[in-house]
Amino acid sequence: NPPTSKPTEAPTEAATLTVWYPDYENTSWLTGKCINDGPLPSGRAAYATQKECCEKAYGGQSSRACVSDFQDPPTQAPTESPTEAGTLTVFYPVYGEGEGFCTNDPPTDHGLSSLNGISTSATHAECCNKHFSWQKSGFCFSQMANPPTQAPTVTATEAGTLTVFYPVYGEGEGFCTNDPPADHGLSSLNGISTSATHAECCNKHFSWQK
């Protein structure tokens, strides 16, 4: 007695992963959520639980969009221990405001939809050292909750002040230097190839010079 119709199969969820990651493609940071749909985007940070993903990728989200997507959402968003003045547990550089500084404010406070692709640091001081060590004014360090009496100094190498060398193309034939970027019209070294020594920089960028 054959069945009158083909047996139906129980639907299976489409490529469900065992990890969770922030969905930066389809939403802004303010309304973003964590998902476990496959495939995992290349280079995207992944977390063992949805809760951990929301805390790390969307900490401080005022809309609570991420935590409200839990199967059993909390009655209010989990609170995080504040770190210095902001709300995130990491610090990141802001280049487009004044001299530039580091913050742990929600990204939307500074016109960013997310921190995807932005270098982050565990502490305020580490972020300032990494991105704004060239500032003569020490402005980045002055924004810390407990700023040092003066900005930490960078060990001088040869004639400059930075510990790395970078190419300067717009002056004469071009050369390598470890001067503060501001000395050559640059706001930062973000996106610029750096080298450990002067010779390495020259070989990499100006080996054609006679």
N, C-alpha and C. Protein backbone atom coordinates (compact mmCIF):
# COMPACT_ATOMS: atom_id res chain seq x y z
N ASN A 1 0.85 -1.19 0.00
CA ASN A 1 0.00 0.00 0.00
C ASN A 1 0.89 1.25 0.00
N PRO A 2 1.31 1.76 -1.14
CA PRO A 2 2.20 2.93 -1.20
C PRO A 2 1.50 4.15 -0.65
N PRO A 3 2.27 5.06 -0.06
CA PRO A 3 1.64 6.29 0.46
C PRO A 3 1.08 7.11 -0.68
N THR A 4 0.02 7.83 -0.38
CA THR A 4 -0.62 8.66 -1.42
C THR A 4 0.24 9.85 -1.80
N SER A 5 1.15 10.24 -0.96
CA SER A 5 2.06 11.34 -1.28
C SER A 5 3.43 11.03 -0.71
N LYS A 6 4.46 11.67 -1.23
CA LYS A 6 5.83 11.45 -0.79
C LYS A 6 5.99 11.92 0.65
N PRO A 7 6.60 11.08 1.51
CA PRO A 7 6.79 11.50 2.91
C PRO A 7 7.55 12.81 2.98
N THR A 8 7.14 13.69 3.88
CA THR A 8 7.83 14.98 4.03
C THR A 8 8.99 14.82 4.99
N GLU A 9 10.05 15.58 4.75
CA GLU A 9 11.22 15.55 5.62
C GLU A 9 11.18 16.73 6.57
N ALA A 10 11.60 16.50 7.77
CA ALA A 10 11.67 17.60 8.75
C ALA A 10 12.67 18.62 8.26
N PRO A 11 12.31 19.90 8.18
CA PRO A 11 13.25 20.92 7.70
C PRO A 11 14.43 21.05 8.64
N THR A 12 15.56 21.30 8.10
CA THR A 12 16.77 21.53 8.90
C THR A 12 17.18 22.98 8.75
N GLU A 13 17.68 23.56 9.81
CA GLU A 13 18.10 24.95 9.76
C GLU A 13 19.27 25.09 8.80
N ALA A 14 19.27 26.18 8.03
CA ALA A 14 20.29 26.38 6.99
C ALA A 14 21.63 26.68 7.61
N ALA A 15 22.56 25.74 7.44
CA ALA A 15 23.97 25.94 7.80
C ALA A 15 24.14 26.65 9.13
N THR A 16 23.57 26.09 10.20
CA THR A 16 23.72 26.69 11.52
C THR A 16 25.10 26.35 12.08
N LEU A 17 25.82 27.38 12.54
CA LEU A 17 27.16 27.19 13.08
C LEU A 17 27.09 26.95 14.59
N THR A 18 28.20 26.49 15.13
CA THR A 18 28.29 26.28 16.58
C THR A 18 28.90 27.49 17.28
N VAL A 19 29.19 28.55 16.51
CA VAL A 19 29.72 29.79 17.06
C VAL A 19 28.83 30.95 16.62
N TRP A 20 28.97 32.06 17.31
CA TRP A 20 28.19 33.26 17.02
C TRP A 20 29.12 34.38 16.58
N TYR A 21 28.65 35.24 15.67
CA TYR A 21 29.47 36.35 15.21
C TYR A 21 28.58 37.57 14.93
N PRO A 22 29.14 38.80 15.00
CA PRO A 22 28.35 40.01 14.76
C PRO A 22 27.98 40.17 13.29
N ASP A 23 26.74 40.53 13.04
CA ASP A 23 26.24 40.70 11.68
C ASP A 23 26.44 42.14 11.24
N TYR A 24 27.65 42.46 10.74
CA TYR A 24 27.96 43.83 10.33
C TYR A 24 27.41 44.17 8.95
N GLU A 25 27.14 43.15 8.13
CA GLU A 25 26.75 43.42 6.74
C GLU A 25 25.34 43.99 6.61
N ASN A 26 24.41 43.51 7.43
CA ASN A 26 23.01 43.81 7.20
C ASN A 26 22.42 44.88 8.12
N THR A 27 23.17 45.28 9.14
CA THR A 27 22.64 46.27 10.08
C THR A 27 23.74 47.23 10.51
N SER A 28 23.33 48.35 11.08
CA SER A 28 24.30 49.28 11.68
C SER A 28 24.66 48.76 13.07
N TRP A 29 25.69 49.36 13.68
CA TRP A 29 26.09 48.93 15.03
C TRP A 29 24.96 49.13 16.03
N LEU A 30 24.20 50.21 15.86
CA LEU A 30 23.15 50.53 16.82
C LEU A 30 22.05 49.47 16.85
N THR A 31 21.77 48.85 15.70
CA THR A 31 20.70 47.84 15.62
C THR A 31 21.25 46.45 15.35
N GLY A 32 22.57 46.28 15.46
CA GLY A 32 23.20 45.02 15.10
C GLY A 32 22.89 43.89 16.08
N LYS A 33 23.00 42.65 15.56
CA LYS A 33 22.77 41.45 16.35
C LYS A 33 23.86 40.44 16.07
N CYS A 34 23.93 39.41 16.89
CA CYS A 34 24.85 38.30 16.66
C CYS A 34 24.08 37.13 16.07
N ILE A 35 24.66 36.49 15.09
CA ILE A 35 23.99 35.39 14.41
C ILE A 35 24.92 34.18 14.33
N ASN A 36 24.34 33.01 14.04
CA ASN A 36 25.14 31.81 13.85
C ASN A 36 24.83 31.14 12.52
N ASP A 37 24.39 31.95 11.55
CA ASP A 37 24.15 31.45 10.21
C ASP A 37 25.48 31.24 9.49
N GLY A 38 25.60 30.15 8.77
CA GLY A 38 26.81 29.93 7.98
C GLY A 38 26.68 30.54 6.60
N PRO A 39 27.82 30.75 5.92
CA PRO A 39 29.17 30.51 6.42
C PRO A 39 29.68 31.70 7.23
N LEU A 40 30.69 31.47 8.06
CA LEU A 40 31.31 32.54 8.84
C LEU A 40 32.14 33.42 7.90
N PRO A 41 31.89 34.75 7.88
CA PRO A 41 32.67 35.64 7.00
C PRO A 41 34.16 35.58 7.32
N SER A 42 34.97 35.66 6.30
CA SER A 42 36.42 35.58 6.47
C SER A 42 36.93 36.69 7.37
N GLY A 43 37.74 36.34 8.37
CA GLY A 43 38.33 37.31 9.26
C GLY A 43 37.43 37.83 10.36
N ARG A 44 36.18 37.37 10.41
CA ARG A 44 35.23 37.86 11.43
C ARG A 44 35.48 37.15 12.76
N ALA A 45 35.51 37.92 13.84
CA ALA A 45 35.66 37.35 15.17
C ALA A 45 34.44 36.52 15.52
N ALA A 46 34.63 35.34 16.11
CA ALA A 46 33.53 34.47 16.48
C ALA A 46 33.60 34.14 17.97
N TYR A 47 32.45 33.87 18.56
CA TYR A 47 32.36 33.65 20.00
C TYR A 47 31.56 32.38 20.29
N ALA A 48 31.84 31.80 21.45
CA ALA A 48 31.23 30.51 21.80
C ALA A 48 29.73 30.63 22.07
N THR A 49 29.30 31.78 22.58
CA THR A 49 27.88 31.96 22.90
C THR A 49 27.37 33.29 22.34
N GLN A 50 26.05 33.35 22.18
CA GLN A 50 25.42 34.58 21.70
C GLN A 50 25.63 35.71 22.71
N LYS A 51 25.56 35.38 24.00
CA LYS A 51 25.74 36.39 25.05
C LYS A 51 27.14 36.99 24.97
N GLU A 52 28.17 36.14 24.83
CA GLU A 52 29.55 36.65 24.75
C GLU A 52 29.72 37.53 23.52
N CYS A 53 29.14 37.13 22.41
CA CYS A 53 29.24 37.91 21.18
C CYS A 53 28.62 39.30 21.37
N CYS A 54 27.45 39.35 21.99
CA CYS A 54 26.79 40.65 22.21
C CYS A 54 27.62 41.54 23.13
N GLU A 55 28.20 40.94 24.18
CA GLU A 55 28.99 41.73 25.12
C GLU A 55 30.24 42.29 24.48
N LYS A 56 30.90 41.47 23.62
CA LYS A 56 32.17 41.88 23.02
C LYS A 56 31.96 42.80 21.81
N ALA A 57 31.00 42.48 20.96
CA ALA A 57 30.83 43.23 19.70
C ALA A 57 29.86 44.40 19.83
N TYR A 58 28.90 44.31 20.76
CA TYR A 58 27.88 45.35 20.86
C TYR A 58 27.72 45.88 22.29
N GLY A 59 28.79 45.82 23.09
CA GLY A 59 28.74 46.34 24.44
C GLY A 59 28.39 47.83 24.44
N GLY A 60 27.44 48.24 25.28
CA GLY A 60 27.03 49.63 25.33
C GLY A 60 25.96 50.02 24.33
N GLN A 61 25.41 49.04 23.62
CA GLN A 61 24.38 49.31 22.60
C GLN A 61 23.10 49.79 23.29
N SER A 62 22.73 51.04 23.06
CA SER A 62 21.59 51.61 23.77
C SER A 62 20.25 51.00 23.34
N SER A 63 20.17 50.50 22.11
CA SER A 63 18.92 49.94 21.61
C SER A 63 18.62 48.55 22.17
N ARG A 64 19.67 47.86 22.73
CA ARG A 64 19.54 46.51 23.24
C ARG A 64 19.11 45.52 22.16
N ALA A 65 19.33 45.88 20.89
CA ALA A 65 18.89 45.01 19.80
C ALA A 65 19.54 43.63 19.87
N CYS A 66 20.83 43.60 20.25
CA CYS A 66 21.53 42.32 20.26
C CYS A 66 21.00 41.41 21.36
N VAL A 67 20.93 41.91 22.59
CA VAL A 67 20.48 41.04 23.69
C VAL A 67 19.00 40.71 23.59
N SER A 68 18.21 41.56 22.93
CA SER A 68 16.78 41.28 22.79
C SER A 68 16.52 40.15 21.82
N ASP A 69 17.55 39.74 21.08
CA ASP A 69 17.39 38.66 20.11
C ASP A 69 17.63 37.29 20.75
N PHE A 70 18.00 37.27 22.06
CA PHE A 70 18.17 35.98 22.74
C PHE A 70 16.86 35.21 22.73
N GLN A 71 16.94 33.87 22.78
CA GLN A 71 15.72 33.07 22.90
C GLN A 71 14.98 33.42 24.19
N ASP A 72 15.75 33.65 25.26
CA ASP A 72 15.18 34.11 26.53
C ASP A 72 15.88 35.40 26.91
N PRO A 73 15.45 36.52 26.29
CA PRO A 73 16.17 37.79 26.52
C PRO A 73 16.06 38.23 27.97
N PRO A 74 17.15 38.86 28.49
CA PRO A 74 17.09 39.38 29.86
C PRO A 74 16.11 40.53 29.94
N THR A 75 15.58 40.79 31.15
CA THR A 75 14.63 41.89 31.31
C THR A 75 15.28 43.22 31.05
N GLN A 76 16.60 43.29 31.23
CA GLN A 76 17.35 44.47 30.82
C GLN A 76 18.73 44.00 30.38
N ALA A 77 19.37 44.84 29.58
CA ALA A 77 20.65 44.45 29.01
C ALA A 77 21.66 44.17 30.12
N PRO A 78 22.49 43.12 29.96
CA PRO A 78 23.53 42.87 30.95
C PRO A 78 24.44 44.08 31.08
N THR A 79 24.78 44.41 32.31
CA THR A 79 25.66 45.56 32.51
C THR A 79 27.11 45.11 32.48
N GLU A 80 27.96 45.94 31.93
CA GLU A 80 29.38 45.64 31.90
C GLU A 80 30.09 46.56 32.88
N SER A 81 31.17 46.08 33.45
CA SER A 81 31.97 46.95 34.31
C SER A 81 32.54 48.07 33.45
N PRO A 82 32.25 49.33 33.76
CA PRO A 82 32.78 50.41 32.93
C PRO A 82 34.29 50.45 33.00
N THR A 83 34.92 50.78 31.91
CA THR A 83 36.38 50.93 31.90
C THR A 83 36.68 52.39 31.65
N GLU A 84 37.27 53.04 32.65
CA GLU A 84 37.52 54.48 32.62
C GLU A 84 36.21 55.21 32.28
N ALA A 85 36.20 56.08 31.27
CA ALA A 85 35.03 56.94 31.09
C ALA A 85 33.98 56.37 30.14
N GLY A 86 34.31 55.39 29.31
CA GLY A 86 33.40 54.92 28.28
C GLY A 86 32.59 53.72 28.68
N THR A 87 32.13 52.96 27.66
CA THR A 87 31.26 51.83 27.94
C THR A 87 31.77 50.53 27.34
N LEU A 88 32.69 50.56 26.40
CA LEU A 88 33.21 49.32 25.81
C LEU A 88 34.36 48.77 26.65
N THR A 89 34.69 47.52 26.41
CA THR A 89 35.79 46.90 27.15
C THR A 89 37.10 46.99 26.38
N VAL A 90 37.09 47.66 25.22
CA VAL A 90 38.31 47.88 24.45
C VAL A 90 38.38 49.35 24.04
N PHE A 91 39.57 49.79 23.66
CA PHE A 91 39.79 51.17 23.21
C PHE A 91 40.18 51.16 21.74
N TYR A 92 39.79 52.23 21.03
CA TYR A 92 40.10 52.32 19.60
C TYR A 92 40.44 53.77 19.25
N PRO A 93 41.20 53.99 18.16
CA PRO A 93 41.61 55.35 17.80
C PRO A 93 40.52 56.10 17.03
N VAL A 94 40.42 57.40 17.28
CA VAL A 94 39.55 58.30 16.52
C VAL A 94 40.44 59.34 15.87
N TYR A 95 40.53 59.32 14.55
CA TYR A 95 41.47 60.19 13.84
C TYR A 95 40.86 61.51 13.38
N GLY A 96 39.57 61.58 13.17
CA GLY A 96 38.98 62.74 12.51
C GLY A 96 38.56 63.87 13.40
N GLU A 97 38.87 63.81 14.69
CA GLU A 97 38.44 64.86 15.62
C GLU A 97 39.67 65.44 16.31
N GLY A 98 39.96 66.72 16.04
CA GLY A 98 41.12 67.37 16.64
C GLY A 98 42.42 66.67 16.27
N GLU A 99 43.29 66.50 17.26
CA GLU A 99 44.58 65.85 17.03
C GLU A 99 44.47 64.34 16.94
N GLY A 100 43.32 63.81 17.34
CA GLY A 100 43.15 62.37 17.40
C GLY A 100 43.32 61.87 18.82
N PHE A 101 42.57 60.85 19.20
CA PHE A 101 42.61 60.33 20.56
C PHE A 101 42.06 58.91 20.58
N CYS A 102 42.14 58.27 21.73
CA CYS A 102 41.60 56.93 21.90
C CYS A 102 40.39 56.99 22.83
N THR A 103 39.44 56.10 22.60
CA THR A 103 38.22 56.12 23.40
C THR A 103 37.65 54.72 23.52
N ASN A 104 36.76 54.52 24.48
CA ASN A 104 35.97 53.29 24.54
C ASN A 104 34.48 53.63 24.52
N ASP A 105 34.15 54.78 23.94
CA ASP A 105 32.75 55.14 23.71
C ASP A 105 32.14 54.19 22.67
N PRO A 106 30.82 54.04 22.63
CA PRO A 106 30.19 53.29 21.54
C PRO A 106 30.60 53.90 20.19
N PRO A 107 30.87 53.11 19.18
CA PRO A 107 31.33 53.62 17.88
C PRO A 107 30.43 54.69 17.28
N THR A 108 29.11 54.57 17.50
CA THR A 108 28.18 55.54 16.91
C THR A 108 28.40 56.95 17.44
N ASP A 109 29.03 57.08 18.62
CA ASP A 109 29.32 58.42 19.16
C ASP A 109 30.30 59.17 18.29
N HIS A 110 31.04 58.46 17.45
CA HIS A 110 32.07 59.09 16.61
C HIS A 110 31.86 58.77 15.14
N GLY A 111 30.60 58.55 14.76
CA GLY A 111 30.25 58.38 13.36
C GLY A 111 30.61 57.04 12.75
N LEU A 112 30.88 56.03 13.58
CA LEU A 112 31.23 54.70 13.07
C LEU A 112 30.05 53.76 13.24
N SER A 113 29.83 52.90 12.25
CA SER A 113 28.74 51.94 12.37
C SER A 113 29.16 50.73 13.18
N SER A 114 30.48 50.43 13.22
CA SER A 114 30.99 49.30 13.99
C SER A 114 32.49 49.46 14.14
N LEU A 115 33.12 48.53 14.86
CA LEU A 115 34.58 48.52 15.00
C LEU A 115 35.19 47.48 14.07
N ASN A 116 34.43 46.99 13.12
CA ASN A 116 34.94 45.99 12.19
C ASN A 116 36.13 46.56 11.40
N GLY A 117 37.27 45.90 11.48
CA GLY A 117 38.46 46.33 10.74
C GLY A 117 39.29 47.39 11.44
N ILE A 118 38.86 47.82 12.63
CA ILE A 118 39.60 48.85 13.37
C ILE A 118 40.42 48.19 14.47
N SER A 119 41.68 48.59 14.58
CA SER A 119 42.56 48.03 15.59
C SER A 119 42.11 48.47 16.98
N THR A 120 41.94 47.52 17.89
CA THR A 120 41.53 47.84 19.25
C THR A 120 42.63 47.45 20.25
N SER A 121 42.59 48.05 21.42
CA SER A 121 43.59 47.80 22.47
C SER A 121 42.88 47.55 23.79
N ALA A 122 43.56 46.82 24.67
CA ALA A 122 42.96 46.45 25.95
C ALA A 122 42.90 47.63 26.92
N THR A 123 43.83 48.59 26.79
CA THR A 123 43.85 49.73 27.71
C THR A 123 43.98 51.04 26.93
N HIS A 124 43.63 52.14 27.61
CA HIS A 124 43.71 53.47 27.01
C HIS A 124 45.17 53.80 26.65
N ALA A 125 46.08 53.52 27.60
CA ALA A 125 47.49 53.83 27.38
C ALA A 125 48.07 53.05 26.21
N GLU A 126 47.71 51.76 26.10
CA GLU A 126 48.20 50.94 25.00
C GLU A 126 47.75 51.50 23.66
N CYS A 127 46.49 51.94 23.59
CA CYS A 127 45.95 52.52 22.36
C CYS A 127 46.70 53.80 21.99
N CYS A 128 46.93 54.68 22.97
CA CYS A 128 47.66 55.93 22.70
C CYS A 128 49.08 55.65 22.24
N ASN A 129 49.74 54.69 22.88
CA ASN A 129 51.11 54.34 22.47
C ASN A 129 51.15 53.81 21.05
N LYS A 130 50.14 53.02 20.69
CA LYS A 130 50.12 52.37 19.38
C LYS A 130 49.82 53.36 18.26
N HIS A 131 48.90 54.30 18.50
CA HIS A 131 48.40 55.14 17.40
C HIS A 131 48.81 56.62 17.48
N PHE A 132 49.15 57.13 18.67
CA PHE A 132 49.40 58.56 18.80
C PHE A 132 50.69 58.88 19.56
N SER A 133 51.66 57.96 19.52
CA SER A 133 52.92 58.21 20.22
C SER A 133 53.67 59.40 19.65
N TRP A 134 53.31 59.81 18.42
CA TRP A 134 53.98 60.93 17.76
C TRP A 134 53.48 62.29 18.24
N GLN A 135 52.38 62.34 18.98
CA GLN A 135 51.82 63.62 19.40
C GLN A 135 52.76 64.34 20.38
N LYS A 136 53.20 65.52 20.01
CA LYS A 136 54.07 66.29 20.90
C LYS A 136 53.29 66.85 22.09
N SER A 137 52.01 67.08 21.88
CA SER A 137 51.19 67.67 22.94
C SER A 137 50.77 66.65 23.98
N GLY A 138 50.85 65.35 23.63
CA GLY A 138 50.38 64.32 24.54
C GLY A 138 48.87 64.33 24.71
N PHE A 139 48.15 64.86 23.69
CA PHE A 139 46.70 65.02 23.80
C PHE A 139 45.99 63.71 24.10
N CYS A 140 46.38 62.64 23.41
CA CYS A 140 45.70 61.35 23.62
C CYS A 140 45.78 60.92 25.07
N PHE A 141 46.99 61.00 25.64
CA PHE A 141 47.16 60.60 27.03
C PHE A 141 46.40 61.52 27.99
N SER A 142 46.23 62.77 27.59
CA SER A 142 45.54 63.72 28.47
C SER A 142 44.06 63.41 28.61
N GLN A 143 43.51 62.57 27.71
CA GLN A 143 42.09 62.22 27.76
C GLN A 143 41.82 61.03 28.68
N MET A 144 42.89 60.43 29.24
CA MET A 144 42.71 59.31 30.15
C MET A 144 42.05 59.77 31.45
N ALA A 145 41.37 58.86 32.13
CA ALA A 145 40.73 59.20 33.41
C ALA A 145 41.77 59.65 34.43
N ASN A 146 42.93 59.00 34.42
CA ASN A 146 44.04 59.38 35.29
C ASN A 146 45.28 59.56 34.43
N PRO A 147 45.36 60.70 33.72
CA PRO A 147 46.46 60.89 32.77
C PRO A 147 47.81 60.98 33.46
N PRO A 148 48.88 60.51 32.79
CA PRO A 148 50.22 60.67 33.36
C PRO A 148 50.59 62.14 33.37
N THR A 149 51.54 62.51 34.21
CA THR A 149 51.94 63.92 34.29
C THR A 149 52.55 64.39 32.98
N GLN A 150 53.10 63.48 32.20
CA GLN A 150 53.52 63.79 30.84
C GLN A 150 53.39 62.53 30.01
N ALA A 151 53.24 62.70 28.70
CA ALA A 151 53.06 61.55 27.83
C ALA A 151 54.28 60.65 27.89
N PRO A 152 54.08 59.31 27.94
CA PRO A 152 55.23 58.42 27.91
C PRO A 152 56.10 58.70 26.70
N THR A 153 57.39 58.71 26.91
CA THR A 153 58.29 58.99 25.79
C THR A 153 58.59 57.72 25.02
N VAL A 154 58.82 57.88 23.72
CA VAL A 154 59.18 56.77 22.86
C VAL A 154 60.69 56.77 22.71
N THR A 155 61.31 55.61 22.80
CA THR A 155 62.76 55.53 22.67
C THR A 155 63.20 56.06 21.31
N ALA A 156 64.10 57.03 21.32
CA ALA A 156 64.56 57.62 20.06
C ALA A 156 65.44 56.65 19.30
N THR A 157 65.29 56.61 17.98
CA THR A 157 66.15 55.79 17.13
C THR A 157 66.74 56.70 16.08
N GLU A 158 68.06 56.73 15.97
CA GLU A 158 68.78 57.63 15.07
C GLU A 158 68.33 59.07 15.36
N ALA A 159 67.89 59.82 14.33
CA ALA A 159 67.62 61.24 14.55
C ALA A 159 66.19 61.55 14.94
N GLY A 160 65.25 60.60 14.73
CA GLY A 160 63.84 60.90 14.93
C GLY A 160 63.34 60.53 16.30
N THR A 161 62.04 60.29 16.40
CA THR A 161 61.46 60.01 17.70
C THR A 161 60.65 58.73 17.73
N LEU A 162 60.28 58.17 16.58
CA LEU A 162 59.50 56.95 16.57
C LEU A 162 60.41 55.73 16.57
N THR A 163 59.84 54.58 16.86
CA THR A 163 60.62 53.34 16.86
C THR A 163 60.48 52.59 15.54
N VAL A 164 59.77 53.17 14.60
CA VAL A 164 59.66 52.59 13.25
C VAL A 164 59.95 53.68 12.21
N PHE A 165 60.27 53.24 10.99
CA PHE A 165 60.53 54.16 9.89
C PHE A 165 59.45 54.02 8.82
N TYR A 166 59.16 55.13 8.14
CA TYR A 166 58.13 55.11 7.12
C TYR A 166 58.56 56.00 5.96
N PRO A 167 58.01 55.75 4.74
CA PRO A 167 58.42 56.53 3.57
C PRO A 167 57.69 57.87 3.46
N VAL A 168 58.41 58.88 2.99
CA VAL A 168 57.82 60.18 2.69
C VAL A 168 58.05 60.43 1.20
N TYR A 169 56.98 60.46 0.44
CA TYR A 169 57.09 60.53 -1.01
C TYR A 169 57.02 61.95 -1.57
N GLY A 170 56.40 62.86 -0.87
CA GLY A 170 56.10 64.17 -1.45
C GLY A 170 57.19 65.21 -1.28
N GLU A 171 58.35 64.86 -0.76
CA GLU A 171 59.42 65.84 -0.54
C GLU A 171 60.68 65.39 -1.29
N GLY A 172 61.07 66.16 -2.31
CA GLY A 172 62.25 65.82 -3.10
C GLY A 172 62.08 64.48 -3.79
N GLU A 173 63.14 63.66 -3.76
CA GLU A 173 63.08 62.34 -4.38
C GLU A 173 62.37 61.32 -3.51
N GLY A 174 62.11 61.69 -2.28
CA GLY A 174 61.51 60.76 -1.34
C GLY A 174 62.55 60.18 -0.41
N PHE A 175 62.18 59.87 0.82
CA PHE A 175 63.12 59.34 1.80
C PHE A 175 62.36 58.63 2.90
N CYS A 176 63.09 57.98 3.80
CA CYS A 176 62.51 57.33 4.97
C CYS A 176 62.87 58.10 6.23
N THR A 177 61.97 58.12 7.18
CA THR A 177 62.20 58.88 8.41
C THR A 177 61.48 58.22 9.58
N ASN A 178 61.87 58.59 10.77
CA ASN A 178 61.12 58.20 11.96
C ASN A 178 60.70 59.44 12.75
N ASP A 179 60.57 60.57 12.01
CA ASP A 179 60.02 61.78 12.61
C ASP A 179 58.54 61.57 12.93
N PRO A 180 57.96 62.36 13.83
CA PRO A 180 56.52 62.31 14.04
C PRO A 180 55.79 62.58 12.72
N PRO A 181 54.73 61.86 12.42
CA PRO A 181 54.02 62.05 11.14
C PRO A 181 53.62 63.50 10.88
N ALA A 182 53.27 64.23 11.94
CA ALA A 182 52.83 65.62 11.76
C ALA A 182 53.91 66.49 11.14
N ASP A 183 55.19 66.09 11.31
CA ASP A 183 56.29 66.87 10.72
C ASP A 183 56.25 66.84 9.19
N HIS A 184 55.54 65.86 8.65
CA HIS A 184 55.48 65.72 7.18
C HIS A 184 54.04 65.74 6.68
N GLY A 185 53.17 66.42 7.42
CA GLY A 185 51.80 66.64 6.95
C GLY A 185 50.88 65.45 7.08
N LEU A 186 51.24 64.47 7.90
CA LEU A 186 50.41 63.28 8.08
C LEU A 186 49.71 63.34 9.43
N SER A 187 48.46 62.90 9.48
CA SER A 187 47.74 62.89 10.75
C SER A 187 48.08 61.66 11.57
N SER A 188 48.50 60.57 10.89
CA SER A 188 48.87 59.34 11.59
C SER A 188 49.61 58.45 10.61
N LEU A 189 50.05 57.28 11.09
CA LEU A 189 50.68 56.28 10.22
C LEU A 189 49.70 55.18 9.85
N ASN A 190 48.42 55.42 10.09
CA ASN A 190 47.40 54.43 9.77
C ASN A 190 47.41 54.11 8.27
N GLY A 191 47.61 52.85 7.92
CA GLY A 191 47.62 52.43 6.53
C GLY A 191 48.94 52.61 5.82
N ILE A 192 49.97 53.13 6.49
CA ILE A 192 51.28 53.35 5.88
C ILE A 192 52.22 52.22 6.30
N SER A 193 52.94 51.67 5.33
CA SER A 193 53.88 50.59 5.60
C SER A 193 55.06 51.11 6.41
N THR A 194 55.38 50.44 7.50
CA THR A 194 56.51 50.84 8.35
C THR A 194 57.57 49.75 8.38
N SER A 195 58.78 50.13 8.73
CA SER A 195 59.91 49.20 8.78
C SER A 195 60.66 49.37 10.10
N ALA A 196 61.36 48.30 10.51
CA ALA A 196 62.06 48.32 11.78
C ALA A 196 63.34 49.17 11.73
N THR A 197 63.97 49.27 10.54
CA THR A 197 65.22 50.04 10.42
C THR A 197 65.13 50.98 9.23
N HIS A 198 66.03 51.98 9.24
CA HIS A 198 66.10 52.94 8.14
C HIS A 198 66.46 52.24 6.83
N ALA A 199 67.45 51.34 6.89
CA ALA A 199 67.92 50.64 5.70
C ALA A 199 66.81 49.78 5.10
N GLU A 200 66.07 49.09 5.95
CA GLU A 200 64.97 48.24 5.47
C GLU A 200 63.92 49.07 4.75
N CYS A 201 63.61 50.25 5.31
CA CYS A 201 62.61 51.13 4.70
C CYS A 201 63.09 51.62 3.33
N CYS A 202 64.36 52.03 3.25
CA CYS A 202 64.90 52.52 1.97
C CYS A 202 64.91 51.41 0.91
N ASN A 203 65.31 50.22 1.31
CA ASN A 203 65.33 49.10 0.37
C ASN A 203 63.93 48.76 -0.12
N LYS A 204 62.96 48.87 0.75
CA LYS A 204 61.59 48.51 0.41
C LYS A 204 60.93 49.54 -0.52
N HIS A 205 61.23 50.83 -0.30
CA HIS A 205 60.48 51.87 -1.00
C HIS A 205 61.29 52.70 -2.00
N PHE A 206 62.62 52.74 -1.83
CA PHE A 206 63.42 53.64 -2.68
C PHE A 206 64.64 52.95 -3.25
N SER A 207 64.57 51.66 -3.47
CA SER A 207 65.74 50.93 -4.02
C SER A 207 66.09 51.39 -5.42
N TRP A 208 65.16 52.06 -6.09
CA TRP A 208 65.37 52.54 -7.45
C TRP A 208 66.22 53.83 -7.51
N GLN A 209 66.37 54.48 -6.35
CA GLN A 209 67.11 55.75 -6.34
C GLN A 209 68.60 55.53 -6.62
N LYS A 210 69.15 56.27 -7.56
CA LYS A 210 70.58 56.21 -7.86
C LYS A 210 71.34 57.17 -6.97
